Amino acid sequence: ETPFKTIPRIGDKPEFGALSLRFMVDSEMKNYAALYTWITLTSFPRYHGQVDEWRRRWFGAFNDQDTDTLLVSDATLTVKSINSKTAGCFIFNNLWISDLGGMTLSDEATETQYIYCDATFAFENFTFTSISS
């Protein structure tokens, strides 16, 4: 290294981007509501005390215990090939939602329109397995 630049080396800490997904919102908006609740539990969008209120509501009374461990989850994402066979599998550890995107709603359509939403998740680490046929 020099005082002007960090020189990357093999064995440095790997950096992986966030997991970004687009999902179809179900007709009762249950999947959106679940993600909304999750992101609200991990933040305080209106005022600082809100995070404690939400966590008490969902996890019961807590006395300065670490509820953060209750807010992360392991997740598996299976990728299918064109012939619907499993092509690969991602296993994420300690994943949480970090961004819940907006939805475009319109009453101009004359036929059924599906609503999609984007969600971004941060995670501690992941493994990837490629399935060869």
C-alpha atoms as a PDB file:
ATOM      1  CA  GLU A   1       0.000   0.000   0.000  1.00  0.00           C
ATOM      2  CA  THR A   2       0.941   3.606  -0.430  1.00  0.00           C
ATOM      3  CA  PRO A   3      -0.306   6.711   1.368  1.00  0.00           C
ATOM      4  CA  PHE A   4      -2.282   7.494  -1.796  1.00  0.00           C
ATOM      5  CA  LYS A   5      -3.951   4.205  -2.670  1.00  0.00           C
ATOM      6  CA  THR A   6      -4.999   0.932  -1.094  1.00  0.00           C
ATOM      7  CA  ILE A   7      -3.715  -1.849  -3.297  1.00  0.00           C
ATOM      8  CA  PRO A   8      -6.044  -4.856  -3.403  1.00  0.00           C
ATOM      9  CA  ARG A   9      -4.556  -8.239  -2.569  1.00  0.00           C
ATOM     10  CA  ILE A  10      -5.801 -11.786  -2.930  1.00  0.00           C
ATOM     11  CA  GLY A  11      -7.410 -12.749   0.346  1.00  0.00           C
ATOM     12  CA  ASP A  12      -8.852  -9.308   1.043  1.00  0.00           C
ATOM     13  CA  LYS A  13     -12.393  -9.141   2.321  1.00  0.00           C
ATOM     14  CA  PRO A  14     -14.819 -10.062  -0.464  1.00  0.00           C
ATOM     15  CA  GLU A  15     -17.631  -7.635  -1.188  1.00  0.00           C
ATOM     16  CA  PHE A  16     -20.990  -8.788  -2.500  1.00  0.00           C
ATOM     17  CA  GLY A  17     -23.892  -6.611  -3.561  1.00  0.00           C
ATOM     18  CA  ALA A  18     -27.273  -6.693  -1.881  1.00  0.00           C
ATOM     19  CA  LEU A  19     -29.984  -9.152  -2.909  1.00  0.00           C
ATOM     20  CA  SER A  20     -32.601  -7.315  -4.983  1.00  0.00           C
ATOM     21  CA  LEU A  21     -35.859  -9.049  -5.871  1.00  0.00           C
ATOM     22  CA  ARG A  22     -39.002  -8.065  -7.732  1.00  0.00           C
ATOM     23  CA  PHE A  23     -42.129  -9.815  -6.522  1.00  0.00           C
ATOM     24  CA  MET A  24     -45.784  -9.835  -7.516  1.00  0.00           C
ATOM     25  CA  VAL A  25     -47.963  -8.427  -4.735  1.00  0.00           C
ATOM     26  CA  ASP A  26     -50.718 -10.895  -3.891  1.00  0.00           C
ATOM     27  CA  SER A  27     -54.370  -9.834  -4.132  1.00  0.00           C
ATOM     28  CA  GLU A  28     -54.701  -9.356  -0.356  1.00  0.00           C
ATOM     29  CA  MET A  29     -51.289  -7.644  -0.114  1.00  0.00           C
ATOM     30  CA  LYS A  30     -50.160 -10.113   2.558  1.00  0.00           C
ATOM     31  CA  ASN A  31     -46.623 -10.460   1.179  1.00  0.00           C
ATOM     32  CA  TYR A  32     -46.224  -6.667   1.001  1.00  0.00           C
ATOM     33  CA  ALA A  33     -47.615  -6.269   4.535  1.00  0.00           C
ATOM     34  CA  ALA A  34     -45.144  -8.843   5.888  1.00  0.00           C
ATOM     35  CA  LEU A  35     -42.186  -7.010   4.349  1.00  0.00           C
ATOM     36  CA  TYR A  36     -43.545  -3.657   5.544  1.00  0.00           C
ATOM     37  CA  THR A  37     -43.764  -4.986   9.098  1.00  0.00           C
ATOM     38  CA  TRP A  38     -40.260  -6.438   8.881  1.00  0.00           C
ATOM     39  CA  ILE A  39     -38.647  -3.210   7.651  1.00  0.00           C
ATOM     40  CA  THR A  40     -40.528  -1.181  10.254  1.00  0.00           C
ATOM     41  CA  LEU A  41     -39.257  -3.501  12.998  1.00  0.00           C
ATOM     42  CA  THR A  42     -35.681  -2.832  11.889  1.00  0.00           C
ATOM     43  CA  SER A  43     -35.955   0.955  11.844  1.00  0.00           C
ATOM     44  CA  PHE A  44     -37.792   3.920  13.306  1.00  0.00           C
ATOM     45  CA  PRO A  45     -39.292   5.767  10.349  1.00  0.00           C
ATOM     46  CA  ARG A  46     -41.286   8.280  12.401  1.00  0.00           C
ATOM     47  CA  TYR A  47     -39.526   8.706  15.777  1.00  0.00           C
ATOM     48  CA  HIS A  48     -36.800   6.982  17.798  1.00  0.00           C
ATOM     49  CA  GLY A  49     -39.119   5.278  20.313  1.00  0.00           C
ATOM     50  CA  GLN A  50     -41.034   3.570  17.519  1.00  0.00           C
ATOM     51  CA  VAL A  51     -38.499   0.761  17.206  1.00  0.00           C
ATOM     52  CA  ASP A  52     -39.042  -0.202  20.885  1.00  0.00           C
ATOM     53  CA  GLU A  53     -42.833  -0.012  20.529  1.00  0.00           C
ATOM     54  CA  TRP A  54     -42.835  -2.249  17.452  1.00  0.00           C
ATOM     55  CA  ARG A  55     -40.452  -4.771  18.988  1.00  0.00           C
ATOM     56  CA  ARG A  56     -42.504  -4.986  22.206  1.00  0.00           C
ATOM     57  CA  ARG A  57     -45.609  -5.572  20.096  1.00  0.00           C
ATOM     58  CA  TRP A  58     -44.031  -8.402  18.087  1.00  0.00           C
ATOM     59  CA  PHE A  59     -41.619  -9.954  20.583  1.00  0.00           C
ATOM     60  CA  GLY A  60     -43.207  -9.138  23.934  1.00  0.00           C
ATOM     61  CA  ALA A  61     -41.518  -7.253  26.716  1.00  0.00           C
ATOM     62  CA  PHE A  62     -37.768  -7.191  26.493  1.00  0.00           C
ATOM     63  CA  ASN A  63     -35.299  -5.822  28.976  1.00  0.00           C
ATOM     64  CA  ASP A  64     -32.421  -4.536  26.884  1.00  0.00           C
ATOM     65  CA  GLN A  65     -32.007  -7.976  25.326  1.00  0.00           C
ATOM     66  CA  ASP A  66     -30.746  -8.167  21.787  1.00  0.00           C
ATOM     67  CA  THR A  67     -33.860  -8.367  19.613  1.00  0.00           C
ATOM     68  CA  ASP A  68     -31.763  -7.818  16.471  1.00  0.00           C
ATOM     69  CA  THR A  69     -31.161 -11.568  16.287  1.00  0.00           C
ATOM     70  CA  LEU A  70     -34.942 -12.003  16.009  1.00  0.00           C
ATOM     71  CA  LEU A  71     -35.049  -9.657  13.006  1.00  0.00           C
ATOM     72  CA  VAL A  72     -32.724 -11.580  10.688  1.00  0.00           C
ATOM     73  CA  SER A  73     -33.454 -14.796   8.873  1.00  0.00           C
ATOM     74  CA  ASP A  74     -31.709 -17.403   6.803  1.00  0.00           C
ATOM     75  CA  ALA A  75     -33.126 -17.729   3.295  1.00  0.00           C
ATOM     76  CA  THR A  76     -32.726 -20.037   0.324  1.00  0.00           C
ATOM     77  CA  LEU A  77     -33.186 -18.877  -3.260  1.00  0.00           C
ATOM     78  CA  THR A  78     -33.418 -21.583  -5.905  1.00  0.00           C
ATOM     79  CA  VAL A  79     -32.799 -20.598  -9.526  1.00  0.00           C
ATOM     80  CA  LYS A  80     -34.576 -22.642 -12.182  1.00  0.00           C
ATOM     81  CA  SER A  81     -33.273 -23.315 -15.667  1.00  0.00           C
ATOM     82  CA  ILE A  82     -35.327 -22.891 -18.824  1.00  0.00           C
ATOM     83  CA  ASN A  83     -36.637 -26.470 -18.473  1.00  0.00           C
ATOM     84  CA  SER A  84     -37.700 -25.870 -14.832  1.00  0.00           C
ATOM     85  CA  LYS A  85     -34.855 -27.902 -13.377  1.00  0.00           C
ATOM     86  CA  THR A  86     -32.838 -26.452 -10.521  1.00  0.00           C
ATOM     87  CA  ALA A  87     -29.812 -24.638 -11.941  1.00  0.00           C
ATOM     88  CA  GLY A  88     -28.371 -23.271  -8.707  1.00  0.00           C
ATOM     89  CA  CYS A  89     -29.068 -22.484  -5.101  1.00  0.00           C
ATOM     90  CA  PHE A  90     -28.155 -19.467  -2.967  1.00  0.00           C
ATOM     91  CA  ILE A  91     -28.263 -19.808   0.815  1.00  0.00           C
ATOM     92  CA  PHE A  92     -28.204 -16.469   2.640  1.00  0.00           C
ATOM     93  CA  ASN A  93     -27.312 -16.183   6.316  1.00  0.00           C
ATOM     94  CA  ASN A  94     -28.578 -13.442   8.626  1.00  0.00           C
ATOM     95  CA  LEU A  95     -30.619 -11.697   5.953  1.00  0.00           C
ATOM     96  CA  TRP A  96     -32.854  -8.668   6.595  1.00  0.00           C
ATOM     97  CA  ILE A  97     -34.854  -6.294   4.446  1.00  0.00           C
ATOM     98  CA  SER A  98     -33.116  -2.973   3.855  1.00  0.00           C
ATOM     99  CA  ASP A  99     -35.320  -1.342   1.192  1.00  0.00           C
ATOM    100  CA  LEU A 100     -38.954  -1.803   0.234  1.00  0.00           C
ATOM    101  CA  GLY A 101     -39.655  -0.195  -3.122  1.00  0.00           C
ATOM    102  CA  GLY A 102     -42.741   1.594  -4.288  1.00  0.00           C
ATOM    103  CA  MET A 103     -45.643   0.278  -6.337  1.00  0.00           C
ATOM    104  CA  THR A 104     -47.279   1.780  -9.405  1.00  0.00           C
ATOM    105  CA  LEU A 105     -51.045   1.817  -8.991  1.00  0.00           C
ATOM    106  CA  SER A 106     -53.421   2.918 -11.720  1.00  0.00           C
ATOM    107  CA  ASP A 107     -57.152   2.715 -12.408  1.00  0.00           C
ATOM    108  CA  GLU A 108     -56.730   3.336 -16.150  1.00  0.00           C
ATOM    109  CA  ALA A 109     -56.447  -0.313 -17.187  1.00  0.00           C
ATOM    110  CA  THR A 110     -59.447  -2.099 -18.633  1.00  0.00           C
ATOM    111  CA  GLU A 111     -57.986  -5.528 -17.929  1.00  0.00           C
ATOM    112  CA  THR A 112     -56.427  -7.086 -14.852  1.00  0.00           C
ATOM    113  CA  GLN A 113     -53.115  -5.506 -13.948  1.00  0.00           C
ATOM    114  CA  TYR A 114     -50.648  -7.148 -11.613  1.00  0.00           C
ATOM    115  CA  ILE A 115     -48.776  -5.075  -9.075  1.00  0.00           C
ATOM    116  CA  TYR A 116     -45.058  -5.618  -8.633  1.00  0.00           C
ATOM    117  CA  CYS A 117     -42.744  -4.309  -5.960  1.00  0.00           C
ATOM    118  CA  ASP A 118     -38.980  -4.350  -5.509  1.00  0.00           C
ATOM    119  CA  ALA A 119     -37.307  -5.321  -2.253  1.00  0.00           C
ATOM    120  CA  THR A 120     -33.636  -5.223  -1.322  1.00  0.00           C
ATOM    121  CA  PHE A 121     -32.084  -7.377   1.362  1.00  0.00           C
ATOM    122  CA  ALA A 122     -28.751  -7.098   3.152  1.00  0.00           C
ATOM    123  CA  PHE A 123     -27.085 -10.220   4.507  1.00  0.00           C
ATOM    124  CA  GLU A 124     -24.069 -11.334   6.470  1.00  0.00           C
ATOM    125  CA  ASN A 125     -22.862 -13.958   3.991  1.00  0.00           C
ATOM    126  CA  PHE A 126     -24.069 -16.495   1.458  1.00  0.00           C
ATOM    127  CA  THR A 127     -23.075 -19.686  -0.282  1.00  0.00           C
ATOM    128  CA  PHE A 128     -23.800 -20.632  -3.868  1.00  0.00           C
ATOM    129  CA  THR A 129     -24.145 -24.135  -5.240  1.00  0.00           C
ATOM    130  CA  SER A 130     -24.351 -24.799  -8.953  1.00  0.00           C
ATOM    131  CA  ILE A 131     -26.380 -27.867  -9.883  1.00  0.00           C
ATOM    132  CA  SER A 132     -25.048 -29.554 -12.996  1.00  0.00           C
ATOM    133  CA  SER A 133     -27.263 -31.992 -14.869  1.00  0.00           C
END
